[in-house]
């Protein structure tokens, strides 16, 4: 899968440390943890851009 989109977020020190520690303990990158959480989100219907409102 080609990843073409980038998401930049701001974290405070506590949030960053929590994510960093969790990822380190799992032996994966922090971005991997974020992608896994996103994959677990419920499916939503995406409105067709061509449909009128």
PDB file of N, CA and C in Angstrom:
ATOM      1  N   UNK A   1       0.845  -1.176   0.000  1.00  0.00           N
ATOM      2  CA  UNK A   1       0.000   0.000   0.000  1.00  0.00           C
ATOM      3  C   UNK A   1       0.891   1.239   0.000  1.00  0.00           C
ATOM      4  N   UNK A   2       0.613   2.135  -0.919  1.00  0.00           N
ATOM      5  CA  UNK A   2       1.359   3.385  -0.999  1.00  0.00           C
ATOM      6  C   UNK A   2       0.714   4.418  -0.086  1.00  0.00           C
ATOM      7  N   UNK A   3       1.515   5.033   0.739  1.00  0.00           N
ATOM      8  CA  UNK A   3       1.005   6.079   1.621  1.00  0.00           C
ATOM      9  C   UNK A   3       1.347   7.420   1.005  1.00  0.00           C
ATOM     10  N   UNK A   4       0.312   8.176   0.673  1.00  0.00           N
ATOM     11  CA  UNK A   4       0.511   9.465   0.003  1.00  0.00           C
ATOM     12  C   UNK A   4       0.141  10.659   0.872  1.00  0.00           C
ATOM     13  N   UNK A   5      -0.597  10.418   1.933  1.00  0.00           N
ATOM     14  CA  UNK A   5      -1.073  11.511   2.784  1.00  0.00           C
ATOM     15  C   UNK A   5      -0.222  11.608   4.043  1.00  0.00           C
ATOM     16  N   UNK A   6      -0.065  12.832   4.529  1.00  0.00           N
ATOM     17  CA  UNK A   6       0.683  13.086   5.747  1.00  0.00           C
ATOM     18  C   UNK A   6      -0.208  13.814   6.737  1.00  0.00           C
ATOM     19  N   UNK A   7      -0.117  13.409   7.999  1.00  0.00           N
ATOM     20  CA  UNK A   7      -0.862  14.062   9.069  1.00  0.00           C
ATOM     21  C   UNK A   7       0.144  14.563  10.092  1.00  0.00           C
ATOM     22  N   UNK A   8       0.084  15.847  10.369  1.00  0.00           N
ATOM     23  CA  UNK A   8       0.953  16.427  11.396  1.00  0.00           C
ATOM     24  C   UNK A   8       0.074  16.793  12.584  1.00  0.00           C
ATOM     25  N   UNK A   9       0.479  16.350  13.760  1.00  0.00           N
ATOM     26  CA  UNK A   9      -0.269  16.680  14.971  1.00  0.00           C
ATOM     27  C   UNK A   9       0.699  17.230  16.018  1.00  0.00           C
ATOM     28  N   UNK A  10       0.146  17.982  16.927  1.00  0.00           N
ATOM     29  CA  UNK A  10       0.939  18.499  18.036  1.00  0.00           C
ATOM     30  C   UNK A  10       0.551  17.722  19.298  1.00  0.00           C
ATOM     31  N   UNK A  11       1.554  17.278  20.013  1.00  0.00           N
ATOM     32  CA  UNK A  11       1.349  16.554  21.261  1.00  0.00           C
ATOM     33  C   UNK A  11       2.084  17.282  22.371  1.00  0.00           C
ATOM     34  N   UNK A  12       1.521  17.242  23.557  1.00  0.00           N
ATOM     35  CA  UNK A  12       2.289  17.775  24.678  1.00  0.00           C
ATOM     36  C   UNK A  12       3.296  16.705  25.112  1.00  0.00           C
ATOM     37  N   UNK A  13       4.159  17.041  26.016  1.00  0.00           N
ATOM     38  CA  UNK A  13       5.235  16.122  26.417  1.00  0.00           C
ATOM     39  C   UNK A  13       4.685  14.810  26.960  1.00  0.00           C
ATOM     40  N   UNK A  14       3.638  14.886  27.768  1.00  0.00           N
ATOM     41  CA  UNK A  14       3.056  13.681  28.369  1.00  0.00           C
ATOM     42  C   UNK A  14       2.459  12.768  27.298  1.00  0.00           C
ATOM     43  N   UNK A  15       1.739  13.335  26.346  1.00  0.00           N
ATOM     44  CA  UNK A  15       1.153  12.544  25.256  1.00  0.00           C
ATOM     45  C   UNK A  15       2.242  11.888  24.412  1.00  0.00           C
ATOM     46  N   UNK A  16       3.272  12.682  24.064  1.00  0.00           N
ATOM     47  CA  UNK A  16       4.366  12.165  23.249  1.00  0.00           C
ATOM     48  C   UNK A  16       5.089  11.031  23.975  1.00  0.00           C
ATOM     49  N   UNK A  17       5.365  11.246  25.244  1.00  0.00           N
ATOM     50  CA  UNK A  17       6.080  10.232  26.029  1.00  0.00           C
ATOM     51  C   UNK A  17       5.268   8.952  26.141  1.00  0.00           C
ATOM     52  N   UNK A  18       3.973   9.088  26.342  1.00  0.00           N
ATOM     53  CA  UNK A  18       3.106   7.907  26.443  1.00  0.00           C
ATOM     54  C   UNK A  18       3.118   7.113  25.139  1.00  0.00           C
ATOM     55  N   UNK A  19       2.962   7.794  24.016  1.00  0.00           N
ATOM     56  CA  UNK A  19       2.976   7.143  22.710  1.00  0.00           C
ATOM     57  C   UNK A  19       4.348   6.538  22.430  1.00  0.00           C
ATOM     58  N   UNK A  20       5.401   7.284  22.706  1.00  0.00           N
ATOM     59  CA  UNK A  20       6.764   6.814  22.463  1.00  0.00           C
ATOM     60  C   UNK A  20       7.062   5.557  23.277  1.00  0.00           C
ATOM     61  N   UNK A  21       6.712   5.571  24.552  1.00  0.00           N
ATOM     62  CA  UNK A  21       6.965   4.426  25.425  1.00  0.00           C
ATOM     63  C   UNK A  21       6.182   3.204  24.972  1.00  0.00           C
ATOM     64  N   UNK A  22       4.922   3.401  24.639  1.00  0.00           N
ATOM     65  CA  UNK A  22       4.071   2.291  24.184  1.00  0.00           C
ATOM     66  C   UNK A  22       4.651   1.676  22.909  1.00  0.00           C
ATOM     67  N   UNK A  23       4.989   2.507  21.943  1.00  0.00           N
ATOM     68  CA  UNK A  23       5.548   2.022  20.683  1.00  0.00           C
ATOM     69  C   UNK A  23       6.881   1.315  20.921  1.00  0.00           C
ATOM     70  N   UNK A  24       7.707   1.881  21.770  1.00  0.00           N
ATOM     71  CA  UNK A  24       9.008   1.288  22.075  1.00  0.00           C
ATOM     72  C   UNK A  24       8.831  -0.090  22.706  1.00  0.00           C
ATOM     73  N   UNK A  25       7.894  -0.208  23.636  1.00  0.00           N
ATOM     74  CA  UNK A  25       7.631  -1.498  24.286  1.00  0.00           C
ATOM     75  C   UNK A  25       7.127  -2.539  23.287  1.00  0.00           C
ATOM     76  N   UNK A  26       6.382  -2.093  22.275  1.00  0.00           N
ATOM     77  CA  UNK A  26       5.871  -2.990  21.243  1.00  0.00           C
ATOM     78  C   UNK A  26       6.901  -3.257  20.148  1.00  0.00           C
ATOM     79  N   UNK A  27       7.953  -2.448  20.100  1.00  0.00           N
ATOM     80  CA  UNK A  27       8.979  -2.610  19.083  1.00  0.00           C
ATOM     81  C   UNK A  27       8.555  -2.121  17.704  1.00  0.00           C
ATOM     82  N   UNK A  28       7.672  -1.109  17.687  1.00  0.00           N
ATOM     83  CA  UNK A  28       7.193  -0.558  16.418  1.00  0.00           C
ATOM     84  C   UNK A  28       7.314   0.965  16.446  1.00  0.00           C
ATOM     85  N   UNK A  29       7.131   1.569  15.286  1.00  0.00           N
ATOM     86  CA  UNK A  29       7.175   3.026  15.185  1.00  0.00           C
ATOM     87  C   UNK A  29       5.894   3.637  15.767  1.00  0.00           C
ATOM     88  N   UNK A  30       6.012   4.869  16.220  1.00  0.00           N
ATOM     89  CA  UNK A  30       4.834   5.567  16.735  1.00  0.00           C
ATOM     90  C   UNK A  30       3.771   5.695  15.657  1.00  0.00           C
ATOM     91  N   UNK A  31       4.178   5.921  14.426  1.00  0.00           N
ATOM     92  CA  UNK A  31       3.207   6.036  13.335  1.00  0.00           C
ATOM     93  C   UNK A  31       2.426   4.736  13.147  1.00  0.00           C
ATOM     94  N   UNK A  32       3.058   3.609  13.399  1.00  0.00           N
ATOM     95  CA  UNK A  32       2.367   2.316  13.304  1.00  0.00           C
ATOM     96  C   UNK A  32       1.225   2.243  14.321  1.00  0.00           C
ATOM     97  N   UNK A  33       1.490   2.710  15.529  1.00  0.00           N
ATOM     98  CA  UNK A  33       0.455   2.708  16.575  1.00  0.00           C
ATOM     99  C   UNK A  33      -0.724   3.570  16.147  1.00  0.00           C
ATOM    100  N   UNK A  34      -0.462   4.749  15.623  1.00  0.00           N
ATOM    101  CA  UNK A  34      -1.525   5.649  15.180  1.00  0.00           C
ATOM    102  C   UNK A  34      -2.324   5.017  14.052  1.00  0.00           C
ATOM    103  N   UNK A  35      -1.637   4.417  13.063  1.00  0.00           N
ATOM    104  CA  UNK A  35      -2.353   3.771  11.956  1.00  0.00           C
ATOM    105  C   UNK A  35      -3.226   2.626  12.449  1.00  0.00           C
ATOM    106  N   UNK A  36      -2.744   1.862  13.431  1.00  0.00           N
ATOM    107  CA  UNK A  36      -3.552   0.763  13.987  1.00  0.00           C
ATOM    108  C   UNK A  36      -4.821   1.290  14.656  1.00  0.00           C
ATOM    109  N   UNK A  37      -4.718   2.381  15.382  1.00  0.00           N
ATOM    110  CA  UNK A  37      -5.904   2.973  15.994  1.00  0.00           C
ATOM    111  C   UNK A  37      -6.888   3.442  14.919  1.00  0.00           C
ATOM    112  N   UNK A  38      -6.390   4.039  13.875  1.00  0.00           N
ATOM    113  CA  UNK A  38      -7.251   4.517  12.785  1.00  0.00           C
ATOM    114  C   UNK A  38      -7.966   3.342  12.125  1.00  0.00           C
ATOM    115  N   UNK A  39      -7.254   2.243  11.903  1.00  0.00           N
ATOM    116  CA  UNK A  39      -7.873   1.055  11.290  1.00  0.00           C
ATOM    117  C   UNK A  39      -9.007   0.516  12.134  1.00  0.00           C
ATOM    118  N   UNK A  40      -8.958   0.707  13.435  1.00  0.00           N
ATOM    119  CA  UNK A  40      -9.988   0.194  14.348  1.00  0.00           C
ATOM    120  C   UNK A  40     -11.213   1.103  14.465  1.00  0.00           C
ATOM    121  N   UNK A  41     -11.148   2.289  13.890  1.00  0.00           N
ATOM    122  CA  UNK A  41     -12.296   3.193  13.924  1.00  0.00           C
ATOM    123  C   UNK A  41     -13.460   2.571  13.171  1.00  0.00           C
ATOM    124  N   UNK A  42     -14.695   2.855  13.586  1.00  0.00           N
ATOM    125  CA  UNK A  42     -15.847   2.317  12.868  1.00  0.00           C
ATOM    126  C   UNK A  42     -15.901   2.843  11.442  1.00  0.00           C
ATOM    127  N   UNK A  43     -16.447   2.029  10.558  1.00  0.00           N
ATOM    128  CA  UNK A  43     -16.622   2.447   9.170  1.00  0.00           C
ATOM    129  C   UNK A  43     -17.668   3.550   9.108  1.00  0.00           C
ATOM    130  N   UNK A  44     -17.444   4.530   8.258  1.00  0.00           N
ATOM    131  CA  UNK A  44     -18.415   5.601   8.047  1.00  0.00           C
ATOM    132  C   UNK A  44     -18.724   5.682   6.567  1.00  0.00           C
ATOM    133  N   UNK A  45     -19.925   6.121   6.269  1.00  0.00           N
ATOM    134  CA  UNK A  45     -20.304   6.304   4.877  1.00  0.00           C
ATOM    135  C   UNK A  45     -19.659   7.587   4.380  1.00  0.00           C
ATOM    136  N   UNK A  46     -18.986   7.499   3.253  1.00  0.00           N
ATOM    137  CA  UNK A  46     -18.356   8.664   2.645  1.00  0.00           C
ATOM    138  C   UNK A  46     -19.276   9.164   1.551  1.00  0.00           C
ATOM    139  N   UNK A  47     -19.690  10.417   1.676  1.00  0.00           N
ATOM    140  CA  UNK A  47     -20.610  11.001   0.713  1.00  0.00           C
ATOM    141  C   UNK A  47     -19.912  11.152  -0.643  1.00  0.00           C
ATOM    142  N   UNK A  48     -20.614  10.787  -1.687  1.00  0.00           N
ATOM    143  CA  UNK A  48     -20.093  10.929  -3.046  1.00  0.00           C
ATOM    144  C   UNK A  48     -19.997  12.416  -3.371  1.00  0.00           C
ATOM    145  N   UNK A  49     -18.836  12.856  -3.788  1.00  0.00           N
ATOM    146  CA  UNK A  49     -18.606  14.268  -4.091  1.00  0.00           C
ATOM    147  C   UNK A  49     -19.497  14.766  -5.226  1.00  0.00           C
ATOM    148  N   UNK A  50     -19.947  13.857  -6.099  1.00  0.00           N
ATOM    149  CA  UNK A  50     -20.747  14.244  -7.263  1.00  0.00           C
ATOM    150  C   UNK A  50     -22.235  14.398  -6.941  1.00  0.00           C
ATOM    151  N   UNK A  51     -22.673  13.915  -5.781  1.00  0.00           N
ATOM    152  CA  UNK A  51     -24.091  14.000  -5.415  1.00  0.00           C
ATOM    153  C   UNK A  51     -24.426  15.402  -4.918  1.00  0.00           C
ATOM    154  N   UNK A  52     -25.595  15.939  -5.357  1.00  0.00           N
ATOM    155  CA  UNK A  52     -26.022  17.241  -4.826  1.00  0.00           C
ATOM    156  C   UNK A  52     -26.451  17.100  -3.370  1.00  0.00           C
ATOM    157  N   UNK A  53     -26.356  18.192  -2.619  1.00  0.00           N
ATOM    158  CA  UNK A  53     -26.741  18.160  -1.197  1.00  0.00           C
ATOM    159  C   UNK A  53     -28.204  18.255  -0.993  1.00  0.00           C
TER     160      UNK A  53
END
